[in-house]
Amino acid sequence: MSETVEPSLVERAYRAQVDAMSIPEKMRRTAEMLNFVRTAIARELRAEHPDVSDERLEWLVARRLYANDPGALRLVDEMLRRVPD
C-alpha cells in the first residue's frame, strides 16, 4: 500500500498561484519554461560538442526533448542524417 504524502506549504502556495492564473498566463508560463529547458539543453550539448553547427544543435536539442517519443525520434534522427555537423 502506498503512503499518501501531503503537499508542502510551498507546493500548496505554488498550486494556488497557478490556479489563480488565467489561461493565457498559464500558456505564457509554459512557453517560458520550455524555452528555459531548451536553452539549458543547448548549453549542455554545446559544451559537449563545441564545433556542432547551430542547425544540428537544434535537432540534437529536439532529440533530447523527445527522447521518450519513438515517432518523434525517427523524424529527428532522419533530420540529423541530413544536417551537416
N, C-alpha and C. Protein backbone atom coordinates (compact mmCIF):
# COMPACT_ATOMS: atom_id res chain seq x y z
N MET A 1 0.84 -1.16 0.00
CA MET A 1 0.00 0.00 0.00
C MET A 1 0.89 1.24 0.00
N SER A 2 0.59 2.20 -0.90
CA SER A 2 1.42 3.40 -0.96
C SER A 2 0.90 4.45 0.02
N GLU A 3 1.85 5.17 0.56
CA GLU A 3 1.53 6.20 1.55
C GLU A 3 1.25 7.51 0.83
N THR A 4 0.19 8.19 1.21
CA THR A 4 -0.14 9.48 0.63
C THR A 4 0.68 10.56 1.34
N VAL A 5 1.36 11.37 0.54
CA VAL A 5 2.18 12.44 1.11
C VAL A 5 1.46 13.76 0.85
N GLU A 6 1.24 14.48 1.90
CA GLU A 6 0.59 15.79 1.79
C GLU A 6 1.55 16.79 1.16
N PRO A 7 1.04 17.66 0.27
CA PRO A 7 1.92 18.67 -0.31
C PRO A 7 2.44 19.63 0.75
N SER A 8 3.64 20.10 0.53
CA SER A 8 4.25 21.04 1.47
C SER A 8 3.55 22.41 1.37
N LEU A 9 3.87 23.26 2.30
CA LEU A 9 3.34 24.63 2.30
C LEU A 9 3.73 25.34 1.00
N VAL A 10 4.96 25.14 0.57
CA VAL A 10 5.44 25.77 -0.66
C VAL A 10 4.66 25.24 -1.86
N GLU A 11 4.47 23.92 -1.92
CA GLU A 11 3.72 23.32 -3.02
C GLU A 11 2.28 23.82 -3.04
N ARG A 12 1.65 23.92 -1.89
CA ARG A 12 0.27 24.43 -1.83
C ARG A 12 0.19 25.88 -2.30
N ALA A 13 1.16 26.69 -1.89
CA ALA A 13 1.19 28.10 -2.31
C ALA A 13 1.40 28.20 -3.82
N TYR A 14 2.30 27.37 -4.35
CA TYR A 14 2.55 27.38 -5.79
C TYR A 14 1.29 26.97 -6.55
N ARG A 15 0.65 25.90 -6.12
CA ARG A 15 -0.58 25.45 -6.78
C ARG A 15 -1.66 26.53 -6.74
N ALA A 16 -1.78 27.21 -5.63
CA ALA A 16 -2.78 28.28 -5.51
C ALA A 16 -2.46 29.41 -6.49
N GLN A 17 -1.19 29.74 -6.61
CA GLN A 17 -0.80 30.80 -7.54
C GLN A 17 -1.09 30.39 -8.98
N VAL A 18 -0.77 29.17 -9.34
CA VAL A 18 -1.02 28.70 -10.71
C VAL A 18 -2.53 28.61 -10.96
N ASP A 19 -3.27 28.12 -9.99
CA ASP A 19 -4.73 28.03 -10.16
C ASP A 19 -5.36 29.40 -10.37
N ALA A 20 -4.76 30.45 -9.82
CA ALA A 20 -5.30 31.81 -9.96
C ALA A 20 -4.95 32.44 -11.31
N MET A 21 -4.04 31.84 -12.06
CA MET A 21 -3.63 32.40 -13.36
C MET A 21 -4.72 32.20 -14.40
N SER A 22 -4.79 33.13 -15.33
CA SER A 22 -5.67 32.95 -16.48
C SER A 22 -5.04 31.94 -17.44
N ILE A 23 -5.82 31.46 -18.38
CA ILE A 23 -5.30 30.51 -19.37
C ILE A 23 -4.13 31.12 -20.15
N PRO A 24 -4.25 32.36 -20.65
CA PRO A 24 -3.11 32.94 -21.36
C PRO A 24 -1.84 33.04 -20.49
N GLU A 25 -2.03 33.35 -19.20
CA GLU A 25 -0.87 33.40 -18.30
C GLU A 25 -0.23 32.03 -18.15
N LYS A 26 -1.06 31.00 -18.02
CA LYS A 26 -0.54 29.64 -17.90
C LYS A 26 0.20 29.24 -19.18
N MET A 27 -0.34 29.59 -20.33
CA MET A 27 0.31 29.27 -21.60
C MET A 27 1.65 30.00 -21.72
N ARG A 28 1.67 31.27 -21.33
CA ARG A 28 2.90 32.06 -21.37
C ARG A 28 3.96 31.44 -20.45
N ARG A 29 3.55 31.06 -19.27
CA ARG A 29 4.48 30.43 -18.32
C ARG A 29 5.02 29.12 -18.89
N THR A 30 4.15 28.32 -19.49
CA THR A 30 4.57 27.06 -20.10
C THR A 30 5.59 27.31 -21.20
N ALA A 31 5.33 28.28 -22.06
CA ALA A 31 6.26 28.61 -23.14
C ALA A 31 7.60 29.09 -22.59
N GLU A 32 7.56 29.88 -21.54
CA GLU A 32 8.81 30.35 -20.91
C GLU A 32 9.60 29.20 -20.32
N MET A 33 8.91 28.27 -19.68
CA MET A 33 9.60 27.12 -19.09
C MET A 33 10.21 26.23 -20.18
N LEU A 34 9.48 26.02 -21.28
CA LEU A 34 10.02 25.23 -22.38
C LEU A 34 11.25 25.90 -22.97
N ASN A 35 11.20 27.20 -23.14
CA ASN A 35 12.35 27.94 -23.67
C ASN A 35 13.55 27.82 -22.72
N PHE A 36 13.29 27.90 -21.42
CA PHE A 36 14.36 27.75 -20.43
C PHE A 36 15.01 26.37 -20.56
N VAL A 37 14.19 25.33 -20.66
CA VAL A 37 14.71 23.96 -20.78
C VAL A 37 15.49 23.79 -22.07
N ARG A 38 14.95 24.28 -23.19
CA ARG A 38 15.66 24.18 -24.47
C ARG A 38 17.03 24.87 -24.40
N THR A 39 17.06 26.04 -23.80
CA THR A 39 18.31 26.79 -23.67
C THR A 39 19.31 26.03 -22.80
N ALA A 40 18.84 25.45 -21.71
CA ALA A 40 19.73 24.69 -20.83
C ALA A 40 20.29 23.46 -21.54
N ILE A 41 19.44 22.76 -22.27
CA ILE A 41 19.90 21.59 -23.02
C ILE A 41 20.90 22.01 -24.09
N ALA A 42 20.62 23.10 -24.79
CA ALA A 42 21.53 23.58 -25.83
C ALA A 42 22.89 23.94 -25.26
N ARG A 43 22.92 24.57 -24.11
CA ARG A 43 24.20 24.91 -23.47
C ARG A 43 24.99 23.65 -23.12
N GLU A 44 24.29 22.67 -22.58
CA GLU A 44 24.96 21.42 -22.21
C GLU A 44 25.52 20.72 -23.45
N LEU A 45 24.71 20.65 -24.50
CA LEU A 45 25.16 20.00 -25.73
C LEU A 45 26.29 20.78 -26.40
N ARG A 46 26.21 22.10 -26.36
CA ARG A 46 27.27 22.94 -26.94
C ARG A 46 28.59 22.70 -26.21
N ALA A 47 28.52 22.53 -24.90
CA ALA A 47 29.74 22.26 -24.12
C ALA A 47 30.33 20.90 -24.51
N GLU A 48 29.47 19.93 -24.78
CA GLU A 48 29.92 18.60 -25.18
C GLU A 48 30.42 18.56 -26.62
N HIS A 49 29.82 19.39 -27.48
CA HIS A 49 30.13 19.40 -28.92
C HIS A 49 30.34 20.86 -29.37
N PRO A 50 31.47 21.46 -29.02
CA PRO A 50 31.64 22.90 -29.29
C PRO A 50 31.64 23.28 -30.77
N ASP A 51 31.94 22.34 -31.65
CA ASP A 51 32.03 22.67 -33.07
C ASP A 51 30.76 22.34 -33.86
N VAL A 52 29.72 21.88 -33.19
CA VAL A 52 28.50 21.50 -33.90
C VAL A 52 27.83 22.74 -34.48
N SER A 53 27.23 22.58 -35.66
CA SER A 53 26.53 23.71 -36.29
C SER A 53 25.28 24.06 -35.49
N ASP A 54 24.82 25.30 -35.64
CA ASP A 54 23.62 25.74 -34.94
C ASP A 54 22.40 24.91 -35.34
N GLU A 55 22.31 24.59 -36.63
CA GLU A 55 21.17 23.81 -37.11
C GLU A 55 21.18 22.40 -36.51
N ARG A 56 22.35 21.78 -36.49
CA ARG A 56 22.45 20.43 -35.90
C ARG A 56 22.16 20.49 -34.40
N LEU A 57 22.62 21.54 -33.75
CA LEU A 57 22.37 21.70 -32.32
C LEU A 57 20.87 21.73 -32.04
N GLU A 58 20.12 22.44 -32.87
CA GLU A 58 18.67 22.50 -32.69
C GLU A 58 18.05 21.10 -32.74
N TRP A 59 18.52 20.28 -33.69
CA TRP A 59 17.99 18.92 -33.81
C TRP A 59 18.45 18.03 -32.66
N LEU A 60 19.66 18.26 -32.16
CA LEU A 60 20.13 17.50 -31.00
C LEU A 60 19.30 17.85 -29.76
N VAL A 61 18.94 19.11 -29.64
CA VAL A 61 18.06 19.53 -28.53
C VAL A 61 16.71 18.82 -28.68
N ALA A 62 16.17 18.81 -29.88
CA ALA A 62 14.89 18.15 -30.12
C ALA A 62 14.99 16.66 -29.77
N ARG A 63 16.11 16.05 -30.11
CA ARG A 63 16.29 14.63 -29.80
C ARG A 63 16.22 14.40 -28.30
N ARG A 64 16.83 15.27 -27.54
CA ARG A 64 16.81 15.14 -26.07
C ARG A 64 15.39 15.38 -25.54
N LEU A 65 14.70 16.39 -26.09
CA LEU A 65 13.35 16.70 -25.61
C LEU A 65 12.36 15.57 -25.90
N TYR A 66 12.52 14.92 -27.03
CA TYR A 66 11.56 13.90 -27.46
C TYR A 66 12.10 12.48 -27.29
N ALA A 67 13.00 12.30 -26.34
CA ALA A 67 13.66 11.01 -26.13
C ALA A 67 12.68 9.87 -25.85
N ASN A 68 11.53 10.17 -25.32
CA ASN A 68 10.56 9.11 -24.99
C ASN A 68 9.44 8.96 -26.02
N ASP A 69 9.62 9.58 -27.18
CA ASP A 69 8.60 9.51 -28.24
C ASP A 69 9.22 8.86 -29.47
N PRO A 70 9.02 7.56 -29.67
CA PRO A 70 9.68 6.86 -30.78
C PRO A 70 9.38 7.48 -32.15
N GLY A 71 8.16 7.91 -32.37
CA GLY A 71 7.80 8.52 -33.66
C GLY A 71 8.56 9.81 -33.89
N ALA A 72 8.61 10.65 -32.88
CA ALA A 72 9.35 11.92 -33.00
C ALA A 72 10.84 11.65 -33.18
N LEU A 73 11.36 10.65 -32.46
CA LEU A 73 12.79 10.33 -32.59
C LEU A 73 13.14 9.89 -34.01
N ARG A 74 12.26 9.13 -34.64
CA ARG A 74 12.52 8.72 -36.03
C ARG A 74 12.65 9.95 -36.93
N LEU A 75 11.75 10.91 -36.75
CA LEU A 75 11.79 12.12 -37.57
C LEU A 75 13.05 12.94 -37.27
N VAL A 76 13.37 13.09 -35.99
CA VAL A 76 14.56 13.86 -35.61
C VAL A 76 15.82 13.18 -36.14
N ASP A 77 15.90 11.87 -36.00
CA ASP A 77 17.07 11.15 -36.49
C ASP A 77 17.21 11.28 -38.00
N GLU A 78 16.10 11.28 -38.71
CA GLU A 78 16.14 11.47 -40.17
C GLU A 78 16.70 12.86 -40.49
N MET A 79 16.28 13.87 -39.77
CA MET A 79 16.80 15.21 -39.99
C MET A 79 18.28 15.29 -39.64
N LEU A 80 18.68 14.62 -38.57
CA LEU A 80 20.09 14.64 -38.18
C LEU A 80 20.99 14.00 -39.26
N ARG A 81 20.43 13.01 -39.98
CA ARG A 81 21.21 12.41 -41.08
C ARG A 81 21.41 13.40 -42.23
N ARG A 82 20.51 14.35 -42.36
CA ARG A 82 20.55 15.32 -43.46
C ARG A 82 21.35 16.57 -43.14
N VAL A 83 21.51 16.87 -41.84
CA VAL A 83 22.13 18.12 -41.42
C VAL A 83 23.63 17.91 -41.23
N PRO A 84 24.44 18.79 -41.84
CA PRO A 84 25.88 18.64 -41.65
C PRO A 84 26.30 18.93 -40.20
N ASP A 85 27.44 18.35 -39.82
CA ASP A 85 27.96 18.57 -38.47
C ASP A 85 28.33 20.02 -38.32
